[in-house]
Amino acid sequence: MTREELIARIEETRRQLDRSIEQKENYEVIYRHSVELDVLIEQYIVAGF
């Protein structure tokens, strides 16, 4: 995955997380988005971007 693709995925996942929180979705949905975002950020850091 390119740097740009990874950044785009991070941004989209962050938006999904924000929407889930704003819409007061259930905890499992919010948690899933949060974990997915953490994994993507970790990939970004490990890749050294």
C-alpha atoms as a PDB file:
ATOM      1  CA  MET A   1       0.000   0.000   0.000  1.00  0.00           C
ATOM      2  CA  THR A   2       1.343   3.407  -0.889  1.00  0.00           C
ATOM      3  CA  ARG A   3       1.689   6.220   1.627  1.00  0.00           C
ATOM      4  CA  GLU A   4      -1.182   8.076  -0.004  1.00  0.00           C
ATOM      5  CA  GLU A   5      -3.463   5.027   0.078  1.00  0.00           C
ATOM      6  CA  LEU A   6      -2.688   4.438   3.742  1.00  0.00           C
ATOM      7  CA  ILE A   7      -3.351   8.084   4.621  1.00  0.00           C
ATOM      8  CA  ALA A   8      -6.666   7.931   2.749  1.00  0.00           C
ATOM      9  CA  ARG A   9      -7.688   4.807   4.684  1.00  0.00           C
ATOM     10  CA  ILE A  10      -6.686   6.427   7.979  1.00  0.00           C
ATOM     11  CA  GLU A  11      -8.732   9.526   7.174  1.00  0.00           C
ATOM     12  CA  GLU A  12     -11.785   7.522   6.102  1.00  0.00           C
ATOM     13  CA  THR A  13     -11.640   5.316   9.181  1.00  0.00           C
ATOM     14  CA  ARG A  14     -11.319   8.399  11.397  1.00  0.00           C
ATOM     15  CA  ARG A  15     -14.431   9.855   9.742  1.00  0.00           C
ATOM     16  CA  GLN A  16     -16.297   6.583  10.346  1.00  0.00           C
ATOM     17  CA  LEU A  17     -15.244   6.636  13.995  1.00  0.00           C
ATOM     18  CA  ASP A  18     -16.313  10.256  14.386  1.00  0.00           C
ATOM     19  CA  ARG A  19     -19.708   9.527  12.782  1.00  0.00           C
ATOM     20  CA  SER A  20     -20.219   6.513  15.020  1.00  0.00           C
ATOM     21  CA  ILE A  21     -19.545   8.609  18.095  1.00  0.00           C
ATOM     22  CA  GLU A  22     -21.755  11.492  16.923  1.00  0.00           C
ATOM     23  CA  GLN A  23     -24.624   9.141  16.110  1.00  0.00           C
ATOM     24  CA  LYS A  24     -24.198   7.376  19.462  1.00  0.00           C
ATOM     25  CA  GLU A  25     -23.865   3.985  17.830  1.00  0.00           C
ATOM     26  CA  ASN A  26     -23.399   1.044  20.135  1.00  0.00           C
ATOM     27  CA  TYR A  27     -20.099   0.442  21.856  1.00  0.00           C
ATOM     28  CA  GLU A  28     -19.055  -2.513  19.668  1.00  0.00           C
ATOM     29  CA  VAL A  29     -19.275  -0.430  16.483  1.00  0.00           C
ATOM     30  CA  ILE A  30     -17.322   2.461  17.977  1.00  0.00           C
ATOM     31  CA  TYR A  31     -14.721   0.080  19.389  1.00  0.00           C
ATOM     32  CA  ARG A  32     -14.318  -1.698  16.029  1.00  0.00           C
ATOM     33  CA  HIS A  33     -13.652   1.604  14.240  1.00  0.00           C
ATOM     34  CA  SER A  34     -11.236   2.652  16.971  1.00  0.00           C
ATOM     35  CA  VAL A  35      -9.239  -0.576  16.754  1.00  0.00           C
ATOM     36  CA  GLU A  36      -9.176  -0.406  12.950  1.00  0.00           C
ATOM     37  CA  LEU A  37      -7.844   3.153  13.144  1.00  0.00           C
ATOM     38  CA  ASP A  38      -5.172   2.095  15.652  1.00  0.00           C
ATOM     39  CA  VAL A  39      -4.017  -0.700  13.331  1.00  0.00           C
ATOM     40  CA  LEU A  40      -3.762   1.657  10.361  1.00  0.00           C
ATOM     41  CA  ILE A  41      -1.815   4.235  12.370  1.00  0.00           C
ATOM     42  CA  GLU A  42       0.529   1.502  13.568  1.00  0.00           C
ATOM     43  CA  GLN A  43       1.095   0.419   9.945  1.00  0.00           C
ATOM     44  CA  TYR A  44       1.907   4.013   9.051  1.00  0.00           C
ATOM     45  CA  ILE A  45       4.443   4.286  11.880  1.00  0.00           C
ATOM     46  CA  VAL A  46       6.077   0.935  11.156  1.00  0.00           C
ATOM     47  CA  ALA A  47       6.383   1.824   7.472  1.00  0.00           C
ATOM     48  CA  GLY A  48       8.372   4.883   8.497  1.00  0.00           C
ATOM     49  CA  PHE A  49       6.283   7.385   6.572  1.00  0.00           C
END
